Amino acid sequence: MRHFPGSASPVTDTTTMARRQFLTSLPRSRGDITSQDESGSYWVRIHRVAMACRFEITLAAEDVGHVPAARAALDAIDRLEDELSVFRETSAVSKLNGRAAHEPVVVPEHLIDLLANCQRLHRETEGAFDVTTMPLSRCWGFMPGGRTEGLPHPDAIVAARALVRFDAVQLDRGNGTVCFARSGIELNLGAIGKGYALDRAGSLLRTSGARHALLSGGRSSLLALGGRGDGWRIDLVSPLVSGRAIAGLWLRNAALGTSGAGEQFVLADGHRYGHVIDPRTGWPANGVLSASVVTSNAASADALSTAFLIGGTDLAVRYCTAHRDVLALITPDDGSERPVVIGSHAGVRLIGH
């Protein structure tokens, strides 16, 4: 799953003017640049490092008056990192992990709402999405304090998997508390945190009056507010060949999340094991190179892309059949690199389909 350690970089904003061209891995701007697309339109980008990635808000030049609101939205993302990061000892999630097995812990109302959403998604994805997989991530060496080389011993995987229990997370909305029914439970919201942050930032932009903006979190999460003309043009890039587009789409009032093995992996006996672990087996997911999901909010898009990377096309078909307005593009690990399209969403138009 996606993790976001606290960044040691200073918090700074950079505003640039750039062409209208977007990938799931957005190109970094170097200094201030000015350019325009074929139609002569200019675009303003405001970006900041948070959650160990680059968050960016793109506005059309005619919406430049919303730049202060965009900066305020990035401020809100900074505050969320202070609450959600497992790499900050003072965060609300770190306090939960340290105390909730011993006593109910009071948390902000929006964190209970987020955990309730995680529980729903856990149930609807047949357990493929699970934010209690920290023990498995540590076992496989993807978290500090974990294994350092080679494959973990099978007994260690079994022991870690026994600590992955979302049903042990108990929410009390009336008292505003969370507790764990057993010791050893640890939360990590990395698979949904960036999308959730984009949703919160998008809500602030809408409240300020902004109607058209593209928000991105790293190389994997996008939220499109409005979009003049056909909307926001997005290209999905190949998980194998950097920069090569495998699908294109127009996005409007919708969110896109993408999951893949990425740069975190373990090499053992000539086999590559990615960092996205199936909580149902304790082993890294396999059979899918990448999974992209379009839905109404970025948190769900992030979570579902992780679930479909784990559960593959079969899970995606079952989910999209039961839930309208969800589009999945699954790239199987069969050498074709052509994504399988499942479901639909009113806010997306696929190019060439």
Protein backbone atom coordinates (compact mmCIF):
# COMPACT_ATOMS: atom_id res chain seq x y z
CA MET A 1 0.00 0.00 0.00
CA ARG A 2 1.07 3.61 -0.25
CA HIS A 3 2.92 4.95 2.76
CA PHE A 4 3.69 8.57 3.61
CA PRO A 5 6.58 9.17 6.03
CA GLY A 6 6.91 12.68 7.38
CA SER A 7 9.05 14.82 5.14
CA ALA A 8 12.08 16.61 6.48
CA SER A 9 11.89 19.16 3.69
CA PRO A 10 10.86 22.72 4.59
CA VAL A 11 7.28 23.65 3.71
CA THR A 12 7.39 25.91 0.69
CA ASP A 13 5.01 26.79 -2.10
CA THR A 14 6.03 27.08 -5.72
CA THR A 15 3.77 28.59 -8.35
CA THR A 16 4.48 27.95 -12.03
CA MET A 17 2.83 28.52 -15.39
CA ALA A 18 2.78 25.43 -17.59
CA ARG A 19 1.15 23.66 -20.49
CA ARG A 20 -2.00 21.66 -20.03
CA GLN A 21 -0.69 18.11 -20.10
CA PHE A 22 -1.17 15.68 -17.26
CA LEU A 23 -0.01 12.18 -16.50
CA THR A 24 -0.64 10.03 -13.46
CA SER A 25 3.03 10.82 -12.85
CA LEU A 26 3.02 14.59 -13.25
CA PRO A 27 6.31 16.12 -14.44
CA ARG A 28 8.16 18.21 -11.89
CA SER A 29 8.66 21.88 -12.66
CA ARG A 30 12.17 23.26 -12.25
CA GLY A 31 11.87 26.86 -11.21
CA ASP A 32 9.27 29.18 -12.70
CA ILE A 33 8.39 28.44 -16.30
CA THR A 34 5.93 29.96 -18.70
CA SER A 35 4.45 28.11 -21.66
CA GLN A 36 1.13 27.49 -23.29
CA ASP A 37 -0.70 24.69 -25.01
CA GLU A 38 -1.76 24.49 -28.64
CA SER A 39 -4.88 26.55 -27.97
CA GLY A 40 -2.88 29.34 -26.36
CA SER A 41 -4.19 28.63 -22.83
CA TYR A 42 -2.01 29.13 -19.76
CA TRP A 43 -2.12 27.03 -16.58
CA VAL A 44 -1.01 27.87 -13.05
CA ARG A 45 0.42 25.19 -10.78
CA ILE A 46 0.85 25.58 -7.01
CA HIS A 47 2.72 22.75 -5.37
CA ARG A 48 4.24 21.64 -2.09
CA VAL A 49 5.95 18.55 -0.66
CA ALA A 50 3.81 16.71 1.91
CA MET A 51 3.23 13.06 2.82
CA ALA A 52 6.56 12.25 1.14
CA CYS A 53 5.27 13.32 -2.27
CA ARG A 54 4.45 16.39 -4.33
CA PHE A 55 0.93 17.75 -3.94
CA GLU A 56 -0.10 20.05 -6.76
CA ILE A 57 -3.13 22.18 -7.59
CA THR A 58 -3.54 23.28 -11.21
CA LEU A 59 -5.75 26.22 -12.20
CA ALA A 60 -6.53 27.76 -15.54
CA ALA A 61 -5.02 31.22 -15.95
CA GLU A 62 -8.48 32.80 -15.74
CA ASP A 63 -8.84 31.25 -12.26
CA VAL A 64 -5.62 32.76 -10.91
CA GLY A 65 -7.64 34.60 -8.28
CA HIS A 66 -8.04 31.26 -6.49
CA VAL A 67 -4.29 30.85 -5.89
CA PRO A 68 -4.62 31.98 -2.21
CA ALA A 69 -7.37 29.38 -1.72
CA ALA A 70 -5.12 26.75 -3.29
CA ARG A 71 -2.36 27.61 -0.84
CA ALA A 72 -4.82 27.38 2.04
CA ALA A 73 -5.86 23.93 0.76
CA LEU A 74 -2.20 22.85 0.80
CA ASP A 75 -1.97 24.14 4.38
CA ALA A 76 -4.86 21.80 5.24
CA ILE A 77 -2.94 18.88 3.73
CA ASP A 78 0.02 19.72 5.98
CA ARG A 79 -2.27 19.57 9.01
CA LEU A 80 -3.69 16.23 7.90
CA GLU A 81 -0.18 14.79 7.64
CA ASP A 82 0.34 15.79 11.26
CA GLU A 83 -2.72 13.69 12.14
CA LEU A 84 -2.37 10.68 9.83
CA SER A 85 1.32 9.87 9.48
CA VAL A 86 2.55 6.76 11.29
CA PHE A 87 6.03 8.26 11.02
CA ARG A 88 5.19 11.09 13.43
CA GLU A 89 5.00 10.03 17.06
CA THR A 90 2.59 12.83 17.92
CA SER A 91 0.06 12.05 15.16
CA ALA A 92 -3.45 10.89 16.04
CA VAL A 93 -2.83 7.57 14.26
CA SER A 94 0.45 6.95 16.13
CA LYS A 95 -1.33 7.62 19.43
CA LEU A 96 -4.03 5.16 18.42
CA ASN A 97 -1.48 2.49 17.61
CA GLY A 98 0.22 3.00 20.97
CA ARG A 99 -2.83 3.21 23.24
CA ALA A 100 -6.02 1.91 21.65
CA ALA A 101 -5.43 -1.73 22.66
CA HIS A 102 -5.44 -0.60 26.31
CA GLU A 103 -8.13 2.10 26.42
CA PRO A 104 -10.54 4.01 24.18
CA VAL A 105 -8.73 6.94 22.54
CA VAL A 106 -10.49 10.19 21.68
CA VAL A 107 -9.85 11.20 18.06
CA PRO A 108 -11.14 13.98 15.76
CA GLU A 109 -14.59 13.30 14.32
CA HIS A 110 -13.32 13.32 10.74
CA LEU A 111 -10.83 10.54 11.61
CA ILE A 112 -13.67 8.36 12.87
CA ASP A 113 -15.51 9.11 9.63
CA LEU A 114 -12.43 8.11 7.63
CA LEU A 115 -12.03 4.86 9.58
CA ALA A 116 -15.73 4.09 9.09
CA ASN A 117 -15.20 4.54 5.35
CA CYS A 118 -12.21 2.18 5.58
CA GLN A 119 -14.37 -0.41 7.30
CA ARG A 120 -17.01 -0.16 4.59
CA LEU A 121 -14.43 -0.50 1.82
CA HIS A 122 -12.82 -3.44 3.63
CA ARG A 123 -16.17 -5.22 3.68
CA GLU A 124 -17.11 -4.35 0.10
CA THR A 125 -13.74 -5.47 -1.30
CA GLU A 126 -13.92 -8.84 0.43
CA GLY A 127 -11.03 -7.96 2.73
CA ALA A 128 -8.60 -6.92 -0.02
CA PHE A 129 -8.44 -3.36 1.31
CA ASP A 130 -7.22 -3.35 4.90
CA VAL A 131 -5.48 -0.57 6.83
CA THR A 132 -4.29 -2.89 9.62
CA THR A 133 -1.51 -4.48 7.51
CA MET A 134 1.37 -2.71 9.29
CA PRO A 135 2.65 -5.97 10.87
CA LEU A 136 2.87 -7.57 7.42
CA SER A 137 4.61 -4.55 5.91
CA ARG A 138 7.16 -4.65 8.71
CA CYS A 139 7.58 -8.41 8.31
CA TRP A 140 8.42 -7.95 4.62
CA GLY A 141 10.81 -5.09 5.30
CA PHE A 142 8.70 -2.24 3.95
CA MET A 143 8.54 -0.45 7.30
CA PRO A 144 11.27 0.66 9.71
CA GLY A 145 12.30 -2.05 12.13
CA GLY A 146 11.39 -4.87 9.77
CA ARG A 147 13.34 -7.64 8.01
CA THR A 148 16.46 -6.42 6.24
CA GLU A 149 17.24 -9.07 3.60
CA GLY A 150 15.83 -12.18 1.95
CA LEU A 151 12.30 -13.50 2.27
CA PRO A 152 10.65 -13.55 5.69
CA HIS A 153 10.32 -16.96 7.30
CA PRO A 154 6.89 -18.54 6.66
CA ASP A 155 6.24 -18.67 10.43
CA ALA A 156 6.91 -14.92 10.64
CA ILE A 157 4.36 -14.27 7.88
CA VAL A 158 1.77 -16.38 9.70
CA ALA A 159 2.45 -14.56 12.97
CA ALA A 160 2.19 -11.13 11.32
CA ARG A 161 -0.97 -12.06 9.46
CA ALA A 162 -2.60 -13.03 12.76
CA LEU A 163 -2.27 -9.37 13.80
CA VAL A 164 -4.10 -8.09 10.70
CA ARG A 165 -7.68 -7.85 11.94
CA PHE A 166 -9.86 -4.94 10.84
CA ASP A 167 -12.76 -6.35 12.83
CA ALA A 168 -10.72 -5.57 15.95
CA VAL A 169 -10.98 -1.83 15.25
CA GLN A 170 -14.00 -0.54 17.19
CA LEU A 171 -15.48 2.89 16.59
CA ASP A 172 -17.68 4.72 19.11
CA ARG A 173 -19.19 7.74 17.37
CA GLY A 174 -21.17 8.76 20.43
CA ASN A 175 -18.07 9.20 22.59
CA GLY A 176 -15.73 10.04 19.69
CA THR A 177 -13.34 7.20 20.53
CA VAL A 178 -11.52 4.33 18.85
CA CYS A 179 -10.23 1.21 20.55
CA PHE A 180 -8.67 -2.09 19.47
CA ALA A 181 -10.20 -5.36 20.68
CA ARG A 182 -6.77 -7.02 20.86
CA SER A 183 -3.14 -6.04 21.16
CA GLY A 184 -0.84 -5.94 18.14
CA ILE A 185 -3.27 -4.05 15.87
CA GLU A 186 -1.65 -1.16 14.00
CA LEU A 187 -3.26 1.25 11.54
CA ASN A 188 -1.56 2.69 8.46
CA LEU A 189 -3.71 4.93 6.28
CA GLY A 190 -1.14 5.20 3.49
CA ALA A 191 -3.41 3.46 0.96
CA ILE A 192 -6.14 6.06 1.39
CA GLY A 193 -4.47 9.06 3.01
CA LYS A 194 -3.39 10.96 -0.10
CA GLY A 195 -6.81 10.61 -1.70
CA TYR A 196 -8.49 11.69 1.52
CA ALA A 197 -6.21 14.74 1.65
CA LEU A 198 -7.19 15.65 -1.93
CA ASP A 199 -10.88 15.36 -1.05
CA ARG A 200 -10.44 17.70 1.92
CA ALA A 201 -8.45 20.17 -0.18
CA GLY A 202 -11.04 19.99 -2.97
CA SER A 203 -13.84 20.74 -0.52
CA LEU A 204 -12.00 23.85 0.66
CA LEU A 205 -11.50 25.02 -2.91
CA ARG A 206 -15.20 24.56 -3.71
CA THR A 207 -16.14 26.50 -0.57
CA SER A 208 -13.86 29.34 -1.68
CA GLY A 209 -15.68 29.50 -5.02
CA ALA A 210 -13.20 27.62 -7.21
CA ARG A 211 -15.06 25.55 -9.80
CA HIS A 212 -12.23 24.29 -12.01
CA ALA A 213 -9.03 22.75 -10.62
CA LEU A 214 -6.97 19.60 -10.91
CA LEU A 215 -5.49 18.34 -7.66
CA SER A 216 -2.79 15.67 -7.57
CA GLY A 217 -0.97 13.76 -4.85
CA GLY A 218 2.30 12.23 -6.01
CA ARG A 219 2.23 9.88 -8.97
CA SER A 220 -0.95 8.10 -8.03
CA SER A 221 -3.89 10.28 -6.97
CA LEU A 222 -5.94 12.88 -8.86
CA LEU A 223 -9.09 14.85 -8.16
CA ALA A 224 -10.71 16.84 -10.99
CA LEU A 225 -12.99 19.73 -10.07
CA GLY A 226 -15.01 20.83 -13.06
CA GLY A 227 -12.97 21.22 -16.21
CA ARG A 228 -13.71 23.53 -19.11
CA GLY A 229 -14.35 22.04 -22.53
CA ASP A 230 -13.86 18.27 -22.44
CA GLY A 231 -12.45 18.38 -18.90
CA TRP A 232 -8.94 17.53 -17.71
CA ARG A 233 -6.85 15.37 -20.05
CA ILE A 234 -5.09 12.51 -18.24
CA ASP A 235 -2.69 9.89 -19.61
CA LEU A 236 -2.04 6.66 -17.73
CA VAL A 237 1.59 5.70 -18.10
CA SER A 238 3.05 2.23 -18.51
CA PRO A 239 4.08 0.49 -15.27
CA LEU A 240 7.01 -1.03 -17.19
CA VAL A 241 8.21 1.68 -19.58
CA SER A 242 8.54 5.10 -17.99
CA GLY A 243 6.66 7.85 -19.80
CA ARG A 244 4.81 5.61 -22.25
CA ALA A 245 1.05 6.17 -22.20
CA ILE A 246 -1.14 3.05 -22.21
CA ALA A 247 -4.51 4.82 -21.93
CA GLY A 248 -5.92 8.33 -22.15
CA LEU A 249 -9.04 9.87 -20.68
CA TRP A 250 -10.87 13.11 -20.00
CA LEU A 251 -11.80 13.64 -16.36
CA ARG A 252 -14.49 15.95 -14.97
CA ASN A 253 -15.81 16.09 -11.39
CA ALA A 254 -14.26 12.74 -10.62
CA ALA A 255 -11.19 11.21 -8.98
CA LEU A 256 -8.54 8.80 -10.25
CA GLY A 257 -6.37 6.51 -8.12
CA THR A 258 -3.62 4.23 -9.40
CA SER A 259 -1.76 1.46 -7.57
CA GLY A 260 1.19 -0.65 -8.66
CA ALA A 261 4.25 -2.38 -7.26
CA GLY A 262 6.18 0.82 -7.92
CA GLU A 263 9.71 1.35 -6.69
CA GLN A 264 9.36 -0.55 -3.40
CA PHE A 265 10.08 -4.25 -3.79
CA VAL A 266 12.09 -7.18 -2.52
CA LEU A 267 14.30 -9.29 -4.79
CA ALA A 268 14.78 -12.89 -3.68
CA ASP A 269 15.78 -15.95 -5.69
CA GLY A 270 15.37 -13.97 -8.91
CA HIS A 271 11.76 -13.01 -8.12
CA ARG A 272 10.49 -9.49 -7.50
CA TYR A 273 8.01 -9.07 -4.62
CA GLY A 274 6.13 -5.75 -4.61
CA HIS A 275 5.21 -3.76 -1.52
CA VAL A 276 1.42 -4.11 -1.87
CA ILE A 277 0.60 -7.06 0.39
CA ASP A 278 -2.55 -9.16 0.22
CA PRO A 279 -3.88 -9.11 3.81
CA ARG A 280 -5.75 -12.34 3.15
CA THR A 281 -2.60 -14.36 2.41
CA GLY A 282 0.23 -12.34 3.92
CA TRP A 283 2.12 -12.36 0.60
CA PRO A 284 2.68 -9.53 -1.89
CA ALA A 285 0.03 -9.16 -4.58
CA ASN A 286 0.80 -10.66 -7.98
CA GLY A 287 -0.80 -11.06 -11.38
CA VAL A 288 -1.59 -7.35 -11.91
CA LEU A 289 0.92 -4.68 -12.95
CA SER A 290 -1.31 -1.72 -12.14
CA ALA A 291 -4.88 -0.90 -11.24
CA SER A 292 -6.52 2.49 -11.86
CA VAL A 293 -9.97 3.45 -10.59
CA VAL A 294 -12.23 6.42 -11.35
CA THR A 295 -14.96 7.20 -8.85
CA SER A 296 -16.59 10.19 -7.20
CA ASN A 297 -13.98 10.83 -4.49
CA ALA A 298 -10.22 10.42 -4.29
CA ALA A 299 -10.17 8.45 -1.04
CA SER A 300 -12.33 5.68 -2.51
CA ALA A 301 -10.40 5.74 -5.79
CA ASP A 302 -7.13 5.22 -3.90
CA ALA A 303 -8.51 2.43 -1.73
CA LEU A 304 -10.18 0.61 -4.60
CA SER A 305 -7.07 0.78 -6.78
CA THR A 306 -5.15 -0.99 -4.00
CA ALA A 307 -7.92 -3.57 -3.59
CA PHE A 308 -8.07 -4.28 -7.32
CA LEU A 309 -4.29 -4.57 -7.56
CA ILE A 310 -4.64 -7.33 -4.97
CA GLY A 311 -7.90 -8.93 -6.14
CA GLY A 312 -7.40 -8.50 -9.89
CA THR A 313 -10.05 -8.35 -12.58
CA ASP A 314 -12.35 -10.83 -10.84
CA LEU A 315 -12.75 -8.61 -7.79
CA ALA A 316 -13.02 -5.50 -9.98
CA VAL A 317 -15.84 -7.09 -12.00
CA ARG A 318 -17.75 -8.10 -8.88
CA TYR A 319 -17.33 -4.68 -7.29
CA CYS A 320 -18.19 -2.64 -10.38
CA THR A 321 -21.25 -4.83 -11.01
CA ALA A 322 -22.51 -4.11 -7.51
CA HIS A 323 -21.53 -0.42 -7.45
CA ARG A 324 -22.53 1.92 -10.24
CA ASP A 325 -20.34 4.82 -11.32
CA VAL A 326 -17.02 3.06 -10.71
CA LEU A 327 -14.58 2.56 -13.60
CA ALA A 328 -11.54 0.29 -13.31
CA LEU A 329 -8.62 -0.11 -15.68
CA ILE A 330 -6.64 -3.22 -14.77
CA THR A 331 -3.29 -3.97 -16.45
CA PRO A 332 -2.64 -7.71 -16.07
CA ASP A 333 0.86 -9.12 -15.82
CA ASP A 334 0.54 -11.07 -19.07
CA GLY A 335 2.87 -9.08 -21.31
CA SER A 336 0.10 -7.22 -23.15
CA GLU A 337 0.27 -3.94 -21.16
CA ARG A 338 -3.22 -3.19 -22.45
CA PRO A 339 -5.57 -2.35 -19.57
CA VAL A 340 -8.85 -4.21 -19.17
CA VAL A 341 -11.72 -1.72 -18.81
CA ILE A 342 -14.42 -2.60 -16.27
CA GLY A 343 -17.49 -0.56 -15.30
CA SER A 344 -18.16 3.10 -16.08
CA HIS A 345 -18.28 6.55 -14.52
CA ALA A 346 -20.24 9.61 -15.63
CA GLY A 347 -17.22 11.88 -15.10
CA VAL A 348 -14.79 10.10 -17.42
CA ARG A 349 -14.49 9.66 -21.17
CA LEU A 350 -11.92 7.20 -22.39
CA ILE A 351 -9.99 8.20 -25.47
CA GLY A 352 -10.15 5.64 -28.26
CA HIS A 353 -12.95 3.61 -26.63
